Amino acid sequence: MLWLKAWLETRWRFVFLVGSILVVWLAPFWITATGVVHSGVPAVKQWMGIQLGSVLLYIFTAIYLAGSGVNSQTMYSATSGFHGSMFFTLSLPVSRRRLLFVRAGLGAIQSSVLVAIMAGYMLFLRPEATSALQVLEYMTRAVSCTMAVYALSVLLACVLDEMWQMYAAILCCTAVFMLQQRFTVISRISPLRGMSLIAYPLTAPVPWLPVAASLVMIVVFLGASVLVLQRKEY
């Protein structure tokens, strides 16, 4: 029942993300076909545009799907007397840890599927040849790093209401992006840099440090989310 309820509450977010992905993927072909950009645009530039757009979608996917957590429904006072399902969900005869596991688990599955599809499509369009092993390695890296952003968004969704959770997650990602440009240590372990094909080309050794750091972040953020929900008064 909990898994079905979580799906019914997140299905339109998932559909919206699928539509956003299609827009990013089809934009280069539409721009070329309509003559906005000359058809002689190098394939490498088109591929880099899709790659950068897909990385931004990785981050947005993690933030957006994590926003459907246990404590992320709009506040009662902000909706003129109408509210979402947070109060009903928290009144169910199950532990808050299980509620978090179901909500976060479903969003993680959805995010991982979308990221894996986007990563595979990017490498399919890549002008250079890409081996099956390189595809698998990059998918593993992209999913792991995206899940670190997702876990952070889940924690913020347990602390903040839905209208503030997304803003806070975007600000955190922006801060990490700025810090990784300035400090080498942060750059080496940054999930945002780890999910990029340009920062770590496929021909380079697999950057396991961002993956390992992302796994540690996932455990820390999800553990903190459980502690917050168990101690918070509603």
Protein backbone atom coordinates (compact mmCIF):
# COMPACT_ATOMS: atom_id res chain seq x y z
CA MET A 1 0.00 0.00 0.00
CA LEU A 2 2.78 2.43 0.91
CA TRP A 3 4.63 1.83 -2.36
CA LEU A 4 1.43 2.32 -4.37
CA LYS A 5 0.57 5.47 -2.42
CA ALA A 6 4.07 6.86 -2.98
CA TRP A 7 3.82 6.14 -6.70
CA LEU A 8 0.42 7.84 -6.99
CA GLU A 9 1.86 10.93 -5.32
CA THR A 10 5.01 11.07 -7.46
CA ARG A 11 3.86 9.83 -10.86
CA TRP A 12 3.27 13.32 -12.28
CA ARG A 13 6.69 14.46 -11.14
CA PHE A 14 8.13 11.46 -12.98
CA VAL A 15 6.13 12.23 -16.14
CA PHE A 16 7.22 15.88 -16.01
CA LEU A 17 10.86 14.83 -15.83
CA VAL A 18 10.46 12.46 -18.78
CA GLY A 19 9.05 15.36 -20.80
CA SER A 20 11.91 17.62 -19.73
CA ILE A 21 14.45 15.02 -20.83
CA LEU A 22 12.83 14.71 -24.24
CA VAL A 23 12.96 18.50 -24.68
CA VAL A 24 16.69 18.60 -23.93
CA TRP A 25 17.43 15.63 -26.20
CA LEU A 26 15.38 16.85 -29.14
CA ALA A 27 16.39 20.52 -28.91
CA PRO A 28 19.62 20.20 -30.97
CA PHE A 29 17.80 18.39 -33.77
CA TRP A 30 14.88 20.85 -33.71
CA ILE A 31 17.22 23.87 -33.78
CA THR A 32 19.12 22.43 -36.75
CA ALA A 33 15.97 21.40 -38.64
CA THR A 34 14.34 24.83 -38.29
CA GLY A 35 17.44 26.64 -39.49
CA VAL A 36 17.95 28.61 -36.26
CA VAL A 37 21.46 27.18 -36.28
CA HIS A 38 23.27 26.25 -39.46
CA SER A 39 23.17 22.53 -40.20
CA GLY A 40 26.98 22.46 -40.31
CA VAL A 41 27.32 22.63 -36.52
CA PRO A 42 29.98 20.07 -35.51
CA ALA A 43 28.64 16.93 -33.89
CA VAL A 44 31.04 17.43 -30.98
CA LYS A 45 29.41 20.76 -30.05
CA GLN A 46 25.92 19.28 -30.26
CA TRP A 47 27.02 16.37 -28.10
CA MET A 48 28.59 18.70 -25.50
CA GLY A 49 25.34 20.68 -25.35
CA ILE A 50 23.33 17.51 -24.72
CA GLN A 51 25.89 16.36 -22.14
CA LEU A 52 25.76 19.60 -20.17
CA GLY A 53 21.97 19.69 -20.37
CA SER A 54 21.74 16.09 -19.17
CA VAL A 55 24.02 16.74 -16.18
CA LEU A 56 21.76 19.61 -15.14
CA LEU A 57 18.82 17.22 -15.51
CA TYR A 58 20.61 14.70 -13.26
CA ILE A 59 20.69 17.34 -10.53
CA PHE A 60 17.16 18.58 -11.14
CA THR A 61 15.82 15.00 -11.18
CA ALA A 62 17.38 14.26 -7.80
CA ILE A 63 16.09 17.49 -6.25
CA TYR A 64 12.60 17.27 -7.75
CA LEU A 65 11.87 13.63 -6.93
CA ALA A 66 13.30 13.95 -3.43
CA GLY A 67 10.78 16.74 -2.83
CA SER A 68 8.01 14.16 -2.45
CA GLY A 69 9.26 13.00 0.93
CA VAL A 70 7.38 12.49 4.18
CA ASN A 71 7.66 16.10 5.33
CA SER A 72 7.61 17.83 1.96
CA GLN A 73 3.90 18.48 1.49
CA THR A 74 2.81 22.12 1.34
CA MET A 75 1.95 23.65 4.70
CA TYR A 76 -1.71 23.80 5.72
CA SER A 77 -1.52 27.53 6.33
CA ALA A 78 -0.11 28.24 2.85
CA THR A 79 -2.92 26.56 0.95
CA SER A 80 -6.04 28.32 2.27
CA GLY A 81 -7.17 25.34 4.32
CA PHE A 82 -6.18 22.59 1.89
CA HIS A 83 -3.19 20.37 2.46
CA GLY A 84 -1.50 17.36 0.90
CA SER A 85 -1.19 13.88 2.31
CA MET A 86 1.49 14.52 4.94
CA PHE A 87 -0.92 14.37 7.87
CA PHE A 88 -2.58 11.19 6.60
CA THR A 89 0.78 9.58 5.84
CA LEU A 90 2.20 10.26 9.30
CA SER A 91 -0.95 8.84 10.92
CA LEU A 92 -0.51 5.43 9.29
CA PRO A 93 0.34 2.54 11.67
CA VAL A 94 3.92 2.24 10.42
CA SER A 95 7.21 3.66 11.62
CA ARG A 96 8.56 6.88 10.23
CA ARG A 97 11.72 5.02 9.27
CA ARG A 98 9.66 2.77 7.02
CA LEU A 99 7.82 5.75 5.54
CA LEU A 100 11.14 7.38 4.72
CA PHE A 101 12.45 4.13 3.25
CA VAL A 102 9.44 3.80 0.94
CA ARG A 103 9.35 7.44 -0.19
CA ALA A 104 13.10 7.80 -0.59
CA GLY A 105 13.42 4.32 -2.09
CA LEU A 106 10.85 4.92 -4.80
CA GLY A 107 12.37 8.29 -5.71
CA ALA A 108 15.84 6.76 -5.79
CA ILE A 109 14.65 4.03 -8.18
CA GLN A 110 12.97 6.58 -10.45
CA SER A 111 16.02 8.86 -10.40
CA SER A 112 18.42 6.00 -11.11
CA VAL A 113 16.36 4.80 -14.08
CA LEU A 114 16.20 8.27 -15.60
CA VAL A 115 19.91 8.94 -15.05
CA ALA A 116 20.89 5.57 -16.54
CA ILE A 117 18.75 6.21 -19.62
CA MET A 118 20.17 9.72 -20.05
CA ALA A 119 23.74 8.48 -19.64
CA GLY A 120 23.24 5.70 -22.18
CA TYR A 121 21.67 8.06 -24.69
CA MET A 122 24.49 10.59 -24.31
CA LEU A 123 27.12 7.97 -24.99
CA PHE A 124 25.08 6.66 -27.94
CA LEU A 125 25.25 10.13 -29.52
CA ARG A 126 28.94 10.60 -28.69
CA PRO A 127 30.96 11.19 -31.89
CA GLU A 128 33.75 8.88 -30.72
CA ALA A 129 33.29 5.15 -30.28
CA THR A 130 32.25 4.05 -26.80
CA SER A 131 32.72 0.53 -25.45
CA ALA A 132 30.16 -1.33 -23.37
CA LEU A 133 32.51 -1.24 -20.37
CA GLN A 134 32.87 2.54 -20.62
CA VAL A 135 29.08 2.89 -20.76
CA LEU A 136 28.68 0.73 -17.64
CA GLU A 137 31.42 2.61 -15.77
CA TYR A 138 29.93 6.00 -16.56
CA MET A 139 26.40 4.89 -15.65
CA THR A 140 27.71 3.65 -12.30
CA ARG A 141 29.49 6.93 -11.69
CA ALA A 142 26.56 9.10 -12.78
CA VAL A 143 23.99 7.20 -10.69
CA SER A 144 26.20 7.15 -7.59
CA CYS A 145 26.98 10.87 -7.74
CA THR A 146 23.35 11.75 -8.47
CA MET A 147 22.23 9.72 -5.46
CA ALA A 148 24.43 11.90 -3.23
CA VAL A 149 22.50 14.96 -4.42
CA TYR A 150 19.26 12.99 -3.95
CA ALA A 151 20.14 12.03 -0.37
CA LEU A 152 20.90 15.67 0.45
CA SER A 153 17.55 16.68 -1.03
CA VAL A 154 15.77 14.02 1.05
CA LEU A 155 17.33 15.43 4.21
CA LEU A 156 16.24 18.94 3.26
CA ALA A 157 12.74 17.61 2.47
CA CYS A 158 12.56 16.21 6.02
CA VAL A 159 13.53 19.57 7.51
CA LEU A 160 11.86 22.09 5.21
CA ASP A 161 8.47 22.40 3.59
CA GLU A 162 8.06 21.72 -0.10
CA MET A 163 8.22 25.38 -1.15
CA TRP A 164 11.67 25.81 0.45
CA GLN A 165 13.26 22.40 -0.06
CA MET A 166 14.05 22.91 -3.74
CA TYR A 167 15.52 26.38 -3.22
CA ALA A 168 17.76 25.12 -0.42
CA ALA A 169 18.97 22.15 -2.49
CA ILE A 170 19.77 24.39 -5.46
CA LEU A 171 21.69 26.78 -3.21
CA CYS A 172 23.68 23.87 -1.74
CA CYS A 173 24.57 22.55 -5.21
CA THR A 174 25.55 26.05 -6.33
CA ALA A 175 27.80 26.44 -3.30
CA VAL A 176 29.49 23.09 -3.99
CA PHE A 177 29.99 24.05 -7.64
CA MET A 178 31.65 27.33 -6.66
CA LEU A 179 33.83 25.70 -4.01
CA GLN A 180 35.03 22.97 -6.37
CA GLN A 181 36.27 25.67 -8.73
CA ARG A 182 38.38 27.13 -5.95
CA PHE A 183 39.57 24.20 -3.84
CA THR A 184 41.28 21.15 -5.31
CA VAL A 185 40.29 18.87 -2.44
CA ILE A 186 36.57 19.56 -2.95
CA SER A 187 36.98 19.21 -6.70
CA ARG A 188 38.36 15.69 -6.32
CA ILE A 189 35.43 14.43 -4.25
CA SER A 190 32.61 16.60 -5.64
CA PRO A 191 29.60 14.59 -6.90
CA LEU A 192 28.80 17.41 -9.36
CA ARG A 193 32.17 16.98 -11.03
CA GLY A 194 32.05 13.21 -10.76
CA MET A 195 28.91 12.94 -12.90
CA SER A 196 30.40 15.03 -15.74
CA LEU A 197 31.88 13.49 -18.88
CA ILE A 198 33.86 16.63 -19.65
CA ALA A 199 35.58 16.86 -16.25
CA TYR A 200 36.50 13.17 -16.36
CA PRO A 201 36.75 11.94 -19.98
CA LEU A 202 35.95 8.31 -20.69
CA THR A 203 39.55 7.76 -21.79
CA ALA A 204 40.83 8.73 -18.33
CA PRO A 205 40.99 6.29 -15.38
CA VAL A 206 37.69 5.82 -13.58
CA PRO A 207 37.42 8.54 -10.86
CA TRP A 208 36.48 6.33 -7.94
CA LEU A 209 37.09 9.08 -5.35
CA PRO A 210 33.86 11.02 -6.18
CA VAL A 211 31.96 7.72 -6.20
CA ALA A 212 33.30 6.72 -2.78
CA ALA A 213 32.61 10.20 -1.38
CA SER A 214 29.07 10.06 -2.80
CA LEU A 215 28.39 6.72 -1.09
CA VAL A 216 29.56 8.16 2.24
CA MET A 217 27.33 11.21 1.74
CA ILE A 218 24.33 8.97 1.00
CA VAL A 219 24.76 7.07 4.28
CA VAL A 220 25.27 10.26 6.31
CA PHE A 221 22.37 12.20 4.79
CA LEU A 222 19.88 9.32 4.99
CA GLY A 223 20.92 8.55 8.57
CA ALA A 224 20.40 12.20 9.46
CA SER A 225 16.99 12.12 7.76
CA VAL A 226 15.86 9.20 9.92
CA LEU A 227 17.01 10.98 13.09
CA VAL A 228 15.18 14.17 12.09
CA LEU A 229 11.89 12.38 11.40
CA GLN A 230 12.01 10.34 14.61
CA ARG A 231 12.56 13.41 16.77
CA LYS A 232 10.35 15.94 15.01
CA GLU A 233 6.96 16.90 16.39
CA TYR A 234 4.07 17.33 13.88
